[in-house]
């Protein structure tokens, strides 16, 4: 996919040239995962290998998407290609839904089944006697006190509520930017999209502060039993998605500033908007089931 054809035909489904980027990306991803596994097993070269692979993957994806953008602005994509991109984005977001569903499912199973069984209810009425005689099945659970250790939870109506308002506001500003793009008001697009990006960055900083507070002041860590592990897995992966979505929006801002997109053809912007709204919805579920209930 290094170079586009010289004469695009709108009636022909565009098929790119043979591309080297998938092979390079696979090698970089392999190096990153090998480094991560080695790092977790305390092998000295694991950490640098992980970061080298990660940096290589980022560079490859940057160039790969640059090629796709070049093909798009050169007019090689017709309606069929647009439909393919839309279907691909829909399936990608669906895979992300299933990803978070697994963690929400773990949270639900723990609270509705595992804890009552360990507490001696239902079919597991002897479990607590056999494993931990003085185990308390209340939520949030740290497990046996000598294993998980005492901790405090983060109140829902403090930083989590602030972050909820930030993300909900960002969804509104992004929608305004989208409507401005369809109306051809490019300056308004830049302003409202920039506001959305600023809100996303603010969310990440607030969550970072929340993590520091949890570790330093509340003794809430990944080792704090099942509550700590599910809390950080759900909020941590969501935070990673916020960062990814923010990067996508920054790229869209730069493309708008360079004159890309028009009222009819701006699927890349729509795809980034879809992803951001998905991130918003996931956070609402997190706020309700992790912080409030």
Protein backbone atom coordinates (compact mmCIF):
# COMPACT_ATOMS: atom_id res chain seq x y z
CA UNK A 1 0.00 0.00 0.00
CA UNK A 2 3.00 2.26 -0.45
CA UNK A 3 1.76 4.11 -3.53
CA UNK A 4 -1.72 4.70 -4.91
CA UNK A 5 -2.63 4.10 -8.55
CA UNK A 6 -2.27 7.07 -10.88
CA UNK A 7 -5.81 7.01 -12.29
CA UNK A 8 -8.48 6.13 -9.72
CA UNK A 9 -11.66 4.66 -11.14
CA UNK A 10 -14.73 5.42 -8.99
CA UNK A 11 -16.48 2.35 -10.41
CA UNK A 12 -13.78 -0.08 -9.29
CA UNK A 13 -13.29 -1.28 -5.71
CA UNK A 14 -9.85 -0.03 -4.75
CA UNK A 15 -7.37 -2.78 -3.84
CA UNK A 16 -4.03 -1.45 -2.55
CA UNK A 17 -0.66 -2.67 -3.72
CA UNK A 18 1.12 -5.43 -1.84
CA UNK A 19 1.93 -3.97 1.58
CA UNK A 20 4.85 -4.57 3.91
CA UNK A 21 3.20 -2.91 6.92
CA UNK A 22 1.27 -5.97 8.23
CA UNK A 23 4.49 -8.01 8.35
CA UNK A 24 6.41 -5.21 10.07
CA UNK A 25 3.56 -4.66 12.54
CA UNK A 26 3.46 -8.39 13.38
CA UNK A 27 7.21 -8.41 14.09
CA UNK A 28 6.98 -5.28 16.27
CA UNK A 29 4.01 -6.68 18.18
CA UNK A 30 5.84 -9.98 18.73
CA UNK A 31 8.88 -8.13 20.11
CA UNK A 32 6.66 -6.06 22.41
CA UNK A 33 4.80 -9.09 23.79
CA UNK A 34 8.01 -11.12 24.16
CA UNK A 35 9.54 -8.20 26.03
CA UNK A 36 6.48 -7.84 28.27
CA UNK A 37 6.46 -11.55 29.14
CA UNK A 38 10.19 -11.43 29.87
CA UNK A 39 9.80 -8.26 31.93
CA UNK A 40 7.09 -9.88 34.06
CA UNK A 41 9.45 -12.83 34.63
CA UNK A 42 12.20 -10.41 35.73
CA UNK A 43 14.51 -10.99 32.75
CA UNK A 44 16.87 -8.05 32.36
CA UNK A 45 16.26 -7.34 28.67
CA UNK A 46 12.46 -7.63 28.96
CA UNK A 47 11.65 -3.97 29.69
CA UNK A 48 13.78 -2.42 26.89
CA UNK A 49 12.51 -5.03 24.42
CA UNK A 50 8.92 -4.19 25.32
CA UNK A 51 9.42 -0.46 24.79
CA UNK A 52 11.38 -0.99 21.56
CA UNK A 53 8.58 -3.16 20.18
CA UNK A 54 5.96 -0.67 21.31
CA UNK A 55 7.79 2.26 19.73
CA UNK A 56 8.27 0.31 16.51
CA UNK A 57 4.58 -0.59 16.39
CA UNK A 58 3.58 3.05 16.92
CA UNK A 59 5.86 4.19 14.10
CA UNK A 60 4.56 1.50 11.75
CA UNK A 61 0.93 2.32 12.47
CA UNK A 62 1.65 6.03 11.93
CA UNK A 63 3.08 5.35 8.47
CA UNK A 64 0.40 2.78 7.65
CA UNK A 65 -2.45 5.16 8.44
CA UNK A 66 -0.63 7.92 6.57
CA UNK A 67 -0.80 5.74 3.46
CA UNK A 68 -4.52 5.17 3.99
CA UNK A 69 -5.08 8.94 4.37
CA UNK A 70 -3.12 9.56 1.16
CA UNK A 71 -5.30 7.08 -0.70
CA UNK A 72 -8.43 8.71 0.71
CA UNK A 73 -7.57 12.30 -0.23
CA UNK A 74 -6.37 11.11 -3.65
CA UNK A 75 -9.89 9.90 -4.45
CA UNK A 76 -9.29 6.14 -4.55
CA UNK A 77 -12.17 5.20 -2.27
CA UNK A 78 -15.65 4.82 -3.71
CA UNK A 79 -18.96 4.07 -2.00
CA UNK A 80 -18.17 0.36 -1.69
CA UNK A 81 -14.90 1.08 0.10
CA UNK A 82 -16.72 3.51 2.41
CA UNK A 83 -19.21 0.78 3.34
CA UNK A 84 -16.32 -1.61 4.02
CA UNK A 85 -14.68 0.91 6.35
CA UNK A 86 -17.96 1.43 8.19
CA UNK A 87 -18.51 -2.30 8.62
CA UNK A 88 -14.94 -2.69 9.84
CA UNK A 89 -15.39 0.03 12.44
CA UNK A 90 -18.69 -1.45 13.60
CA UNK A 91 -17.08 -4.86 14.13
CA UNK A 92 -14.09 -3.28 15.84
CA UNK A 93 -16.33 -1.48 18.33
CA UNK A 94 -18.33 -4.69 18.79
CA UNK A 95 -15.11 -6.50 19.71
CA UNK A 96 -14.40 -3.76 22.24
CA UNK A 97 -17.89 -4.21 23.69
CA UNK A 98 -17.17 -7.92 24.16
CA UNK A 99 -13.80 -7.06 25.71
CA UNK A 100 -15.41 -4.93 28.42
CA UNK A 101 -18.32 -7.37 28.75
CA UNK A 102 -15.83 -9.98 29.95
CA UNK A 103 -14.65 -7.74 32.80
CA UNK A 104 -18.16 -6.62 33.69
CA UNK A 105 -19.13 -10.29 33.64
CA UNK A 106 -16.31 -11.10 36.06
CA UNK A 107 -17.56 -8.35 38.37
CA UNK A 108 -21.14 -9.62 38.18
CA UNK A 109 -20.13 -13.25 38.77
CA UNK A 110 -17.98 -12.30 41.74
CA UNK A 111 -20.69 -10.29 43.45
CA UNK A 112 -23.70 -12.48 42.64
CA UNK A 113 -22.22 -15.97 42.89
CA UNK A 114 -18.65 -16.29 44.15
CA UNK A 115 -18.96 -14.12 47.27
CA UNK A 116 -22.22 -15.73 48.51
CA UNK A 117 -20.71 -19.18 48.01
CA UNK A 118 -17.53 -18.26 49.86
CA UNK A 119 -19.69 -16.75 52.59
CA UNK A 120 -21.45 -20.05 53.14
CA UNK A 121 -24.69 -19.45 51.22
CA UNK A 122 -26.42 -21.80 48.80
CA UNK A 123 -24.55 -24.75 47.33
CA UNK A 124 -21.26 -23.53 48.78
CA UNK A 125 -22.52 -23.48 52.38
CA UNK A 126 -19.36 -25.16 53.73
CA UNK A 127 -16.85 -23.29 51.56
CA UNK A 128 -16.05 -20.62 54.11
CA UNK A 129 -15.51 -23.24 56.82
CA UNK A 130 -13.11 -25.25 54.67
CA UNK A 131 -11.17 -22.32 53.21
CA UNK A 132 -11.50 -19.28 55.50
CA UNK A 133 -13.59 -19.77 58.59
CA UNK A 134 -13.98 -16.07 59.37
CA UNK A 135 -14.47 -14.91 55.79
CA UNK A 136 -16.97 -12.07 55.32
CA UNK A 137 -18.92 -12.03 52.06
CA UNK A 138 -19.59 -8.29 52.05
CA UNK A 139 -18.74 -6.09 49.07
CA UNK A 140 -16.25 -4.58 48.44
CA UNK A 141 -14.27 -7.66 49.35
CA UNK A 142 -10.56 -7.88 49.91
CA UNK A 143 -10.69 -11.60 50.56
CA UNK A 144 -9.26 -12.79 53.86
CA UNK A 145 -7.76 -9.80 55.69
CA UNK A 146 -4.33 -11.41 55.91
CA UNK A 147 -4.22 -11.79 52.11
CA UNK A 148 -5.84 -8.69 50.62
CA UNK A 149 -5.23 -6.23 53.42
CA UNK A 150 -7.52 -3.43 54.54
CA UNK A 151 -8.32 -0.65 52.08
CA UNK A 152 -10.79 2.16 51.48
CA UNK A 153 -12.86 2.68 48.35
CA UNK A 154 -13.08 5.87 46.30
CA UNK A 155 -16.38 7.73 46.90
CA UNK A 156 -18.50 7.90 43.75
CA UNK A 157 -19.54 11.50 44.30
CA UNK A 158 -16.04 12.95 44.26
CA UNK A 159 -13.50 12.51 41.45
CA UNK A 160 -15.54 9.82 39.64
CA UNK A 161 -18.52 12.17 39.37
CA UNK A 162 -16.24 14.94 38.07
CA UNK A 163 -14.85 12.60 35.43
CA UNK A 164 -18.37 11.51 34.49
CA UNK A 165 -19.37 15.12 33.88
CA UNK A 166 -16.17 15.68 31.89
CA UNK A 167 -16.84 12.73 29.58
CA UNK A 168 -20.52 13.55 29.13
CA UNK A 169 -19.57 17.13 28.23
CA UNK A 170 -16.98 15.88 25.77
CA UNK A 171 -19.65 13.84 24.01
CA UNK A 172 -21.72 16.99 23.59
CA UNK A 173 -18.81 19.08 22.27
CA UNK A 174 -17.86 16.33 19.82
CA UNK A 175 -21.43 16.17 18.50
CA UNK A 176 -21.41 19.96 18.02
CA UNK A 177 -18.13 19.63 16.10
CA UNK A 178 -19.64 16.92 13.90
CA UNK A 179 -22.65 19.06 13.04
CA UNK A 180 -20.34 22.00 12.31
CA UNK A 181 -18.36 19.82 9.92
CA UNK A 182 -21.52 18.79 8.07
CA UNK A 183 -22.46 22.48 7.86
CA UNK A 184 -19.05 23.40 6.47
CA UNK A 185 -18.02 25.60 9.43
CA UNK A 186 -14.40 24.52 9.72
CA UNK A 187 -13.38 27.03 12.41
CA UNK A 188 -16.19 25.84 14.65
CA UNK A 189 -15.09 22.26 14.06
CA UNK A 190 -11.57 23.10 15.19
CA UNK A 191 -12.82 24.88 18.31
CA UNK A 192 -15.28 22.25 19.49
CA UNK A 193 -13.06 19.33 18.53
CA UNK A 194 -10.18 21.00 20.37
CA UNK A 195 -12.44 21.39 23.39
CA UNK A 196 -13.25 17.68 23.24
CA UNK A 197 -9.55 16.83 23.15
CA UNK A 198 -8.88 19.09 26.14
CA UNK A 199 -11.67 17.37 28.07
CA UNK A 200 -10.22 13.95 27.22
CA UNK A 201 -6.78 14.98 28.45
CA UNK A 202 -8.34 16.40 31.62
CA UNK A 203 -10.15 13.12 32.24
CA UNK A 204 -6.86 11.21 31.96
CA UNK A 205 -5.13 13.56 34.43
CA UNK A 206 -7.99 13.29 36.93
CA UNK A 207 -7.91 9.50 36.71
CA UNK A 208 -4.15 9.52 37.17
CA UNK A 209 -4.56 11.61 40.31
CA UNK A 210 -7.25 9.20 41.49
CA UNK A 211 -4.87 6.25 41.09
CA UNK A 212 -2.12 8.02 43.03
CA UNK A 213 -4.61 8.81 45.80
CA UNK A 214 -5.82 5.20 45.84
CA UNK A 215 -2.32 3.75 46.16
CA UNK A 216 -0.82 6.27 48.55
CA UNK A 217 -3.75 7.16 50.82
CA UNK A 218 -6.35 4.39 50.56
CA UNK A 219 -4.13 1.30 50.21
CA UNK A 220 -6.30 0.36 47.24
CA UNK A 221 -4.02 -1.51 44.82
CA UNK A 222 -4.13 -4.32 42.29
CA UNK A 223 -3.37 -6.63 45.20
CA UNK A 224 -6.45 -5.57 47.17
CA UNK A 225 -8.36 -8.76 46.58
CA UNK A 226 -11.01 -9.20 43.90
CA UNK A 227 -12.26 -5.63 44.33
CA UNK A 228 -8.85 -4.12 43.66
CA UNK A 229 -8.18 -6.30 40.63
CA UNK A 230 -11.57 -5.70 38.98
CA UNK A 231 -11.46 -1.98 39.84
CA UNK A 232 -8.09 -1.38 38.22
CA UNK A 233 -8.68 -3.70 35.27
CA UNK A 234 -11.95 -1.99 34.35
CA UNK A 235 -10.93 1.61 35.01
CA UNK A 236 -7.39 1.06 33.71
CA UNK A 237 -8.44 -0.40 30.38
CA UNK A 238 -11.06 2.30 30.04
CA UNK A 239 -8.40 4.94 30.67
CA UNK A 240 -6.25 3.36 27.95
CA UNK A 241 -9.21 3.62 25.58
CA UNK A 242 -9.65 7.28 26.50
CA UNK A 243 -6.01 7.92 25.60
CA UNK A 244 -6.41 6.05 22.31
CA UNK A 245 -9.59 7.98 21.53
CA UNK A 246 -7.85 11.26 22.36
CA UNK A 247 -5.04 10.42 19.93
CA UNK A 248 -7.63 9.67 17.25
CA UNK A 249 -9.33 13.01 17.87
CA UNK A 250 -5.99 14.85 17.72
CA UNK A 251 -5.35 13.29 14.30
CA UNK A 252 -8.83 14.37 13.20
CA UNK A 253 -8.13 17.92 14.40
CA UNK A 254 -4.91 18.04 12.39
CA UNK A 255 -6.67 16.71 9.31
CA UNK A 256 -9.45 19.28 9.61
CA UNK A 257 -6.83 22.02 10.01
CA UNK A 258 -5.16 20.83 6.79
CA UNK A 259 -8.42 21.02 4.88
CA UNK A 260 -9.34 17.35 4.80
CA UNK A 261 -12.99 16.23 4.87
CA UNK A 262 -16.10 17.92 3.56
CA UNK A 263 -19.78 17.85 4.42
CA UNK A 264 -20.35 14.53 2.64
CA UNK A 265 -17.03 12.69 2.95
CA UNK A 266 -15.65 12.51 6.47
CA UNK A 267 -15.92 8.91 7.62
CA UNK A 268 -12.61 9.02 9.52
CA UNK A 269 -14.08 11.79 11.68
CA UNK A 270 -17.28 9.78 12.16
CA UNK A 271 -15.31 6.66 13.12
CA UNK A 272 -13.38 8.59 15.78
CA UNK A 273 -16.68 10.04 17.04
CA UNK A 274 -18.27 6.59 17.22
CA UNK A 275 -15.31 5.33 19.24
CA UNK A 276 -15.46 8.31 21.61
CA UNK A 277 -19.17 7.85 22.26
CA UNK A 278 -18.51 4.15 22.94
CA UNK A 279 -15.92 5.18 25.53
CA UNK A 280 -18.52 7.50 27.11
CA UNK A 281 -21.09 4.72 27.39
CA UNK A 282 -18.58 2.30 28.94
CA UNK A 283 -17.70 4.90 31.56
CA UNK A 284 -21.34 5.30 32.53
CA UNK A 285 -21.45 1.55 33.18
CA UNK A 286 -18.24 1.80 35.19
CA UNK A 287 -19.51 4.72 37.24
CA UNK A 288 -22.71 2.86 38.10
CA UNK A 289 -21.45 -0.68 38.76
CA UNK A 290 -17.95 0.02 40.10
CA UNK A 291 -18.31 3.27 42.01
CA UNK A 292 -21.99 3.65 42.94
CA UNK A 293 -23.39 0.15 43.52
